[in-house]
Protein backbone atom coordinates (compact mmCIF):
# COMPACT_ATOMS: atom_id res chain seq x y z
CA MET A 1 26.04 -49.50 23.92
CA SER A 2 27.49 -49.96 27.39
CA ASP A 3 24.57 -48.01 28.89
CA ILE A 4 22.21 -50.84 27.91
CA ASP A 5 21.66 -53.52 30.57
CA ILE A 6 23.14 -56.93 29.73
CA ARG A 7 19.70 -58.57 30.08
CA THR A 8 18.30 -56.12 27.53
CA ARG A 9 21.20 -56.77 25.14
CA ILE A 10 20.62 -60.55 25.30
CA GLY A 11 16.91 -60.06 24.74
CA LEU A 12 17.46 -57.79 21.77
CA ARG A 13 19.87 -60.30 20.24
CA ILE A 14 17.40 -63.12 20.62
CA LYS A 15 14.64 -61.03 19.04
CA GLN A 16 16.96 -59.95 16.17
CA ILE A 17 18.00 -63.49 15.30
CA ARG A 18 14.47 -64.83 15.74
CA ALA A 19 13.14 -62.22 13.32
CA GLU A 20 15.90 -63.01 10.79
CA ARG A 21 14.84 -66.68 10.99
CA GLY A 22 11.17 -65.83 10.54
CA LEU A 23 10.29 -67.48 13.86
CA THR A 24 7.53 -66.41 16.18
CA GLN A 25 8.02 -66.47 19.92
CA ASP A 26 5.56 -69.37 20.09
CA ALA A 27 7.48 -71.42 17.48
CA LEU A 28 10.85 -70.85 19.13
CA ALA A 29 9.60 -71.43 22.66
CA TYR A 30 7.81 -74.66 21.66
CA GLY A 31 10.87 -75.89 19.77
CA ILE A 32 13.15 -75.51 22.78
CA GLY A 33 10.72 -76.48 25.51
CA LEU A 34 10.30 -73.08 27.16
CA SER A 35 7.09 -71.12 27.67
CA ARG A 36 6.31 -68.25 25.32
CA SER A 37 5.77 -65.92 28.29
CA TYR A 38 9.25 -66.73 29.65
CA LEU A 39 10.79 -66.10 26.21
CA ALA A 40 8.89 -62.80 25.92
CA GLU A 41 10.22 -61.68 29.31
CA VAL A 42 13.79 -62.64 28.29
CA GLU A 43 13.41 -60.70 25.01
CA THR A 44 12.27 -57.60 26.87
CA GLY A 45 15.04 -57.83 29.48
CA LYS A 46 12.67 -58.53 32.34
CA ARG A 47 14.17 -61.96 33.10
CA ASN A 48 17.68 -62.85 34.11
CA VAL A 49 18.24 -65.74 31.70
CA SER A 50 20.58 -68.55 32.75
CA ALA A 51 23.56 -69.69 30.69
CA VAL A 52 21.78 -73.04 30.19
CA ASN A 53 18.75 -71.29 28.67
CA ILE A 54 20.93 -69.01 26.51
CA GLU A 55 22.43 -72.18 25.08
CA ARG A 56 18.98 -73.70 24.53
CA ILE A 57 17.78 -70.54 22.80
CA SER A 58 20.85 -70.24 20.60
CA ASN A 59 20.56 -73.87 19.62
CA GLY A 60 16.90 -73.33 18.78
CA LEU A 61 17.89 -70.38 16.62
CA GLY A 62 20.53 -72.47 14.88
CA ILE A 63 23.41 -70.30 15.98
CA SER A 64 26.54 -71.01 18.02
CA LEU A 65 27.10 -69.23 21.32
CA SER A 66 30.13 -67.42 19.89
CA ASP A 67 27.95 -66.13 16.99
CA PHE A 68 25.21 -65.24 19.42
CA PHE A 69 27.54 -62.99 21.36
CA ALA A 70 29.23 -61.57 18.25
CA GLY A 71 28.18 -58.18 16.98
CA GLU A 72 27.71 -54.66 18.13
CA LEU A 73 25.38 -55.38 21.05
CA PHE A 74 28.18 -57.13 22.86
CA ASP A 75 31.24 -55.23 21.57
CA SER A 76 31.53 -52.86 24.49
CA ILE A 77 30.53 -54.97 27.48
CA THR A 78 32.58 -54.17 30.54
CA GLN A 79 33.04 -56.07 33.75
CA ASP A 80 30.77 -53.54 35.45
CA ASP A 81 27.93 -54.37 33.01
CA VAL A 82 28.13 -58.03 33.99
CA ILE A 83 28.58 -57.76 37.77
CA SER A 84 26.38 -54.78 38.52
CA HIS A 85 23.21 -56.84 38.41
CA PRO A 86 22.76 -59.38 41.18
């Protein structure tokens, strides 16, 4: 998994949890006060999402930050994965 960009991993995790909850991008975005286009770009790894917005999104999904980052998508993150993207 370490060959997948951190932005892509975050986006995949949001999409995964959103699908499990049966939420559309529109419904989630509206519920947390973000635009659907922004959320779509985050889900596809095109946006560098802030920590504040990760918290908003995880709250909107009804999941803690620790649960958000739990799982195989984040098991093998290295320091290089995090700092290699300005």
